[in-house]
Amino acid sequence: MGKVLKRLHYPLDVIVLCVRWYVAYSLSLRNLE
């Protein structure tokens, strides 16, 4: 189980980062309008 979690750890970080960027981007777009 530990090996699977280690393998999934990196993609999970990338997904979290992408979600953060997406939210920040959509919020800044709303502020511009």
PDB file of N, CA and C in Angstrom:
ATOM      1  N   MET A   1       0.839  -1.207   0.000  1.00  0.00           N
ATOM      2  CA  MET A   1       0.000   0.000   0.000  1.00  0.00           C
ATOM      3  C   MET A   1       0.872   1.255   0.000  1.00  0.00           C
ATOM      4  N   GLY A   2       1.965   1.228   0.767  1.00  0.00           N
ATOM      5  CA  GLY A   2       2.858   2.385   0.821  1.00  0.00           C
ATOM      6  C   GLY A   2       3.450   2.721  -0.533  1.00  0.00           C
ATOM      7  N   LYS A   3       3.795   1.673  -1.301  1.00  0.00           N
ATOM      8  CA  LYS A   3       4.379   1.909  -2.626  1.00  0.00           C
ATOM      9  C   LYS A   3       3.382   2.604  -3.547  1.00  0.00           C
ATOM     10  N   VAL A   4       2.139   2.202  -3.453  1.00  0.00           N
ATOM     11  CA  VAL A   4       1.102   2.810  -4.300  1.00  0.00           C
ATOM     12  C   VAL A   4       0.935   4.285  -3.940  1.00  0.00           C
ATOM     13  N   LEU A   5       0.922   4.577  -2.642  1.00  0.00           N
ATOM     14  CA  LEU A   5       0.765   5.960  -2.212  1.00  0.00           C
ATOM     15  C   LEU A   5       1.939   6.807  -2.678  1.00  0.00           C
ATOM     16  N   LYS A   6       3.151   6.250  -2.597  1.00  0.00           N
ATOM     17  CA  LYS A   6       4.328   6.992  -3.050  1.00  0.00           C
ATOM     18  C   LYS A   6       4.226   7.282  -4.542  1.00  0.00           C
ATOM     19  N   ARG A   7       3.734   6.301  -5.281  1.00  0.00           N
ATOM     20  CA  ARG A   7       3.618   6.458  -6.728  1.00  0.00           C
ATOM     21  C   ARG A   7       2.568   7.521  -7.069  1.00  0.00           C
ATOM     22  N   LEU A   8       1.503   7.592  -6.277  1.00  0.00           N
ATOM     23  CA  LEU A   8       0.423   8.537  -6.554  1.00  0.00           C
ATOM     24  C   LEU A   8       0.702   9.924  -5.985  1.00  0.00           C
ATOM     25  N   HIS A   9       1.710  10.030  -5.124  1.00  0.00           N
ATOM     26  CA  HIS A   9       1.970  11.292  -4.438  1.00  0.00           C
ATOM     27  C   HIS A   9       2.292  12.416  -5.415  1.00  0.00           C
ATOM     28  N   TYR A  10       3.165  12.154  -6.374  1.00  0.00           N
ATOM     29  CA  TYR A  10       3.581  13.212  -7.299  1.00  0.00           C
ATOM     30  C   TYR A  10       2.430  13.725  -8.162  1.00  0.00           C
ATOM     31  N   PRO A  11       1.690  12.830  -8.839  1.00  0.00           N
ATOM     32  CA  PRO A  11       0.563  13.309  -9.647  1.00  0.00           C
ATOM     33  C   PRO A  11      -0.464  14.065  -8.806  1.00  0.00           C
ATOM     34  N   LEU A  12      -0.670  13.627  -7.565  1.00  0.00           N
ATOM     35  CA  LEU A  12      -1.629  14.306  -6.699  1.00  0.00           C
ATOM     36  C   LEU A  12      -1.185  15.744  -6.448  1.00  0.00           C
ATOM     37  N   ASP A  13       0.112  15.951  -6.198  1.00  0.00           N
ATOM     38  CA  ASP A  13       0.638  17.298  -6.002  1.00  0.00           C
ATOM     39  C   ASP A  13       0.382  18.155  -7.230  1.00  0.00           C
ATOM     40  N   VAL A  14       0.597  17.563  -8.406  1.00  0.00           N
ATOM     41  CA  VAL A  14       0.395  18.308  -9.652  1.00  0.00           C
ATOM     42  C   VAL A  14      -1.075  18.679  -9.820  1.00  0.00           C
ATOM     43  N   ILE A  15      -1.962  17.749  -9.488  1.00  0.00           N
ATOM     44  CA  ILE A  15      -3.405  18.015  -9.600  1.00  0.00           C
ATOM     45  C   ILE A  15      -3.802  19.155  -8.662  1.00  0.00           C
ATOM     46  N   VAL A  16      -3.309  19.109  -7.427  1.00  0.00           N
ATOM     47  CA  VAL A  16      -3.628  20.155  -6.450  1.00  0.00           C
ATOM     48  C   VAL A  16      -3.125  21.504  -6.946  1.00  0.00           C
ATOM     49  N   LEU A  17      -1.907  21.513  -7.499  1.00  0.00           N
ATOM     50  CA  LEU A  17      -1.328  22.745  -8.017  1.00  0.00           C
ATOM     51  C   LEU A  17      -2.176  23.291  -9.159  1.00  0.00           C
ATOM     52  N   CYS A  18      -2.589  22.412 -10.062  1.00  0.00           N
ATOM     53  CA  CYS A  18      -3.412  22.828 -11.208  1.00  0.00           C
ATOM     54  C   CYS A  18      -4.744  23.400 -10.736  1.00  0.00           C
ATOM     55  N   VAL A  19      -5.337  22.761  -9.742  1.00  0.00           N
ATOM     56  CA  VAL A  19      -6.620  23.248  -9.224  1.00  0.00           C
ATOM     57  C   VAL A  19      -6.441  24.635  -8.622  1.00  0.00           C
ATOM     58  N   ARG A  20      -5.350  24.820  -7.879  1.00  0.00           N
ATOM     59  CA  ARG A  20      -5.089  26.130  -7.268  1.00  0.00           C
ATOM     60  C   ARG A  20      -4.931  27.202  -8.329  1.00  0.00           C
ATOM     61  N   TRP A  21      -4.134  26.893  -9.371  1.00  0.00           N
ATOM     62  CA  TRP A  21      -3.926  27.855 -10.462  1.00  0.00           C
ATOM     63  C   TRP A  21      -5.245  28.165 -11.147  1.00  0.00           C
ATOM     64  N   TYR A  22      -6.063  27.121 -11.371  1.00  0.00           N
ATOM     65  CA  TYR A  22      -7.347  27.294 -12.055  1.00  0.00           C
ATOM     66  C   TYR A  22      -8.268  28.219 -11.254  1.00  0.00           C
ATOM     67  N   VAL A  23      -8.336  27.976  -9.948  1.00  0.00           N
ATOM     68  CA  VAL A  23      -9.190  28.796  -9.089  1.00  0.00           C
ATOM     69  C   VAL A  23      -8.688  30.236  -9.062  1.00  0.00           C
ATOM     70  N   ALA A  24      -7.381  30.413  -8.901  1.00  0.00           N
ATOM     71  CA  ALA A  24      -6.802  31.755  -8.860  1.00  0.00           C
ATOM     72  C   ALA A  24      -7.041  32.476 -10.182  1.00  0.00           C
ATOM     73  N   TYR A  25      -6.910  31.761 -11.286  1.00  0.00           N
ATOM     74  CA  TYR A  25      -7.088  32.348 -12.616  1.00  0.00           C
ATOM     75  C   TYR A  25      -8.539  32.778 -12.827  1.00  0.00           C
ATOM     76  N   SER A  26      -9.483  31.913 -12.486  1.00  0.00           N
ATOM     77  CA  SER A  26     -10.890  32.249 -12.683  1.00  0.00           C
ATOM     78  C   SER A  26     -11.306  33.398 -11.764  1.00  0.00           C
ATOM     79  N   LEU A  27     -10.727  33.463 -10.569  1.00  0.00           N
ATOM     80  CA  LEU A  27     -11.046  34.560  -9.658  1.00  0.00           C
ATOM     81  C   LEU A  27     -10.510  35.877 -10.201  1.00  0.00           C
ATOM     82  N   SER A  28      -9.302  35.866 -10.762  1.00  0.00           N
ATOM     83  CA  SER A  28      -8.725  37.091 -11.308  1.00  0.00           C
ATOM     84  C   SER A  28      -9.500  37.531 -12.547  1.00  0.00           C
ATOM     85  N   LEU A  29     -10.008  36.585 -13.316  1.00  0.00           N
ATOM     86  CA  LEU A  29     -10.822  36.933 -14.490  1.00  0.00           C
ATOM     87  C   LEU A  29     -12.113  37.612 -14.041  1.00  0.00           C
ATOM     88  N   ARG A  30     -12.692  37.133 -12.956  1.00  0.00           N
ATOM     89  CA  ARG A  30     -13.923  37.740 -12.440  1.00  0.00           C
ATOM     90  C   ARG A  30     -13.659  39.171 -11.982  1.00  0.00           C
ATOM     91  N   ASN A  31     -12.505  39.389 -11.362  1.00  0.00           N
ATOM     92  CA  ASN A  31     -12.167  40.725 -10.872  1.00  0.00           C
ATOM     93  C   ASN A  31     -11.959  41.700 -12.019  1.00  0.00           C
ATOM     94  N   LEU A  32     -11.478  41.193 -13.155  1.00  0.00           N
ATOM     95  CA  LEU A  32     -11.219  42.065 -14.302  1.00  0.00           C
ATOM     96  C   LEU A  32     -12.517  42.542 -14.947  1.00  0.00           C
ATOM     97  N   GLU A  33     -13.550  41.734 -14.888  1.00  0.00           N
ATOM     98  CA  GLU A  33     -14.793  42.100 -15.572  1.00  0.00           C
ATOM     99  C   GLU A  33     -15.542  43.226 -14.865  1.00  0.00           C
TER     100      GLU A  33
END
